[in-house]
Amino acid sequence: MSYSSPKKMLKQIGSKPAKMKKYNKYNVSKERSTGKSLRKCERCGNTRGIINKYGLSLCRRCFRDIATDIGFKKYD
């Protein structure tokens, strides 16, 4: 089966429970317990450059923006 968009296919097989179950088995993403996608920036949702130390969970860009506000100092 080839469709131009996944929404179109879901609409067509939505009324057929057996086909829907098979579609979900092979095409729906599974729940992750580890990996990069679980660690996201709390502020912007970015998954790259995360700083988890001290329980921050911020990306490096957001950390630079609010570092002085949360008590970090920049040493020269």
C-alpha atoms as a PDB file:
ATOM      1  CA  MET A   1       0.000   0.000   0.000  1.00  0.00           C
ATOM      2  CA  SER A   2       1.303   3.379  -0.986  1.00  0.00           C
ATOM      3  CA  TYR A   3      -0.324   6.614   0.168  1.00  0.00           C
ATOM      4  CA  SER A   4       0.517  10.258  -0.297  1.00  0.00           C
ATOM      5  CA  SER A   5       0.047  10.947   3.408  1.00  0.00           C
ATOM      6  CA  PRO A   6      -0.266   8.773   6.524  1.00  0.00           C
ATOM      7  CA  LYS A   7      -3.483  10.546   7.546  1.00  0.00           C
ATOM      8  CA  LYS A   8      -5.153   9.265   4.407  1.00  0.00           C
ATOM      9  CA  MET A   9      -4.277   5.684   5.239  1.00  0.00           C
ATOM     10  CA  LEU A  10      -5.384   5.980   8.872  1.00  0.00           C
ATOM     11  CA  LYS A  11      -8.707   7.316   7.670  1.00  0.00           C
ATOM     12  CA  GLN A  12      -9.196   4.322   5.374  1.00  0.00           C
ATOM     13  CA  ILE A  13      -8.142   1.583   7.822  1.00  0.00           C
ATOM     14  CA  GLY A  14      -9.710   3.226  10.870  1.00  0.00           C
ATOM     15  CA  SER A  15     -12.907   1.273  10.389  1.00  0.00           C
ATOM     16  CA  LYS A  16     -11.064  -2.057  10.146  1.00  0.00           C
ATOM     17  CA  PRO A  17      -9.825  -3.036  13.635  1.00  0.00           C
ATOM     18  CA  ALA A  18      -7.643  -5.957  12.504  1.00  0.00           C
ATOM     19  CA  LYS A  19      -5.801  -3.855   9.930  1.00  0.00           C
ATOM     20  CA  MET A  20      -5.440  -0.995  12.416  1.00  0.00           C
ATOM     21  CA  LYS A  21      -3.916  -3.337  14.999  1.00  0.00           C
ATOM     22  CA  LYS A  22      -1.380  -4.622  12.457  1.00  0.00           C
ATOM     23  CA  TYR A  23      -0.554  -1.064  11.348  1.00  0.00           C
ATOM     24  CA  ASN A  24       0.049   0.034  14.942  1.00  0.00           C
ATOM     25  CA  LYS A  25       2.199  -3.022  15.648  1.00  0.00           C
ATOM     26  CA  TYR A  26       4.714  -2.171  12.951  1.00  0.00           C
ATOM     27  CA  ASN A  27       4.461   1.583  12.455  1.00  0.00           C
ATOM     28  CA  VAL A  28       3.858   3.290  15.798  1.00  0.00           C
ATOM     29  CA  SER A  29       7.013   4.324  17.615  1.00  0.00           C
ATOM     30  CA  LYS A  30       7.691   2.440  20.825  1.00  0.00           C
ATOM     31  CA  GLU A  31       8.177   3.888  24.280  1.00  0.00           C
ATOM     32  CA  ARG A  32      11.833   4.562  25.034  1.00  0.00           C
ATOM     33  CA  SER A  33      13.512   3.874  28.366  1.00  0.00           C
ATOM     34  CA  THR A  34      16.945   5.243  27.492  1.00  0.00           C
ATOM     35  CA  GLY A  35      18.529   7.382  24.851  1.00  0.00           C
ATOM     36  CA  LYS A  36      18.982  10.882  23.615  1.00  0.00           C
ATOM     37  CA  SER A  37      15.314  11.581  22.926  1.00  0.00           C
ATOM     38  CA  LEU A  38      14.403  11.305  26.626  1.00  0.00           C
ATOM     39  CA  ARG A  39      16.720  14.115  27.695  1.00  0.00           C
ATOM     40  CA  LYS A  40      15.266  17.413  26.528  1.00  0.00           C
ATOM     41  CA  CYS A  41      15.783  21.018  27.518  1.00  0.00           C
ATOM     42  CA  GLU A  42      13.050  22.056  29.939  1.00  0.00           C
ATOM     43  CA  ARG A  43      12.997  25.545  28.486  1.00  0.00           C
ATOM     44  CA  CYS A  44      13.031  25.059  24.698  1.00  0.00           C
ATOM     45  CA  GLY A  45      12.694  21.299  24.123  1.00  0.00           C
ATOM     46  CA  ASN A  46      16.017  20.918  22.300  1.00  0.00           C
ATOM     47  CA  THR A  47      17.749  17.512  22.525  1.00  0.00           C
ATOM     48  CA  ARG A  48      21.294  18.673  21.705  1.00  0.00           C
ATOM     49  CA  GLY A  49      23.864  19.987  24.156  1.00  0.00           C
ATOM     50  CA  ILE A  50      21.945  19.139  27.324  1.00  0.00           C
ATOM     51  CA  ILE A  51      23.489  20.012  30.699  1.00  0.00           C
ATOM     52  CA  ASN A  52      22.119  17.603  33.298  1.00  0.00           C
ATOM     53  CA  LYS A  53      24.651  18.388  35.999  1.00  0.00           C
ATOM     54  CA  TYR A  54      23.099  19.747  39.217  1.00  0.00           C
ATOM     55  CA  GLY A  55      19.662  18.745  37.888  1.00  0.00           C
ATOM     56  CA  LEU A  56      19.542  21.621  35.391  1.00  0.00           C
ATOM     57  CA  SER A  57      18.230  19.810  32.277  1.00  0.00           C
ATOM     58  CA  LEU A  58      18.926  22.821  30.061  1.00  0.00           C
ATOM     59  CA  CYS A  59      20.561  23.045  26.659  1.00  0.00           C
ATOM     60  CA  ARG A  60      23.775  25.032  26.445  1.00  0.00           C
ATOM     61  CA  ARG A  61      22.083  28.007  24.775  1.00  0.00           C
ATOM     62  CA  CYS A  62      19.366  28.359  27.400  1.00  0.00           C
ATOM     63  CA  PHE A  63      21.972  27.900  30.117  1.00  0.00           C
ATOM     64  CA  ARG A  64      24.006  30.813  28.746  1.00  0.00           C
ATOM     65  CA  ASP A  65      20.894  33.002  28.770  1.00  0.00           C
ATOM     66  CA  ILE A  66      19.919  32.361  32.388  1.00  0.00           C
ATOM     67  CA  ALA A  67      23.205  31.351  34.043  1.00  0.00           C
ATOM     68  CA  THR A  68      23.676  34.636  35.884  1.00  0.00           C
ATOM     69  CA  ASP A  69      20.042  34.635  37.046  1.00  0.00           C
ATOM     70  CA  ILE A  70      20.388  31.218  38.701  1.00  0.00           C
ATOM     71  CA  GLY A  71      23.685  32.052  40.423  1.00  0.00           C
ATOM     72  CA  PHE A  72      26.497  30.940  38.113  1.00  0.00           C
ATOM     73  CA  LYS A  73      29.459  33.249  37.506  1.00  0.00           C
ATOM     74  CA  LYS A  74      31.572  33.547  34.390  1.00  0.00           C
ATOM     75  CA  TYR A  75      35.271  33.419  35.145  1.00  0.00           C
ATOM     76  CA  ASP A  76      37.674  35.215  32.819  1.00  0.00           C
END
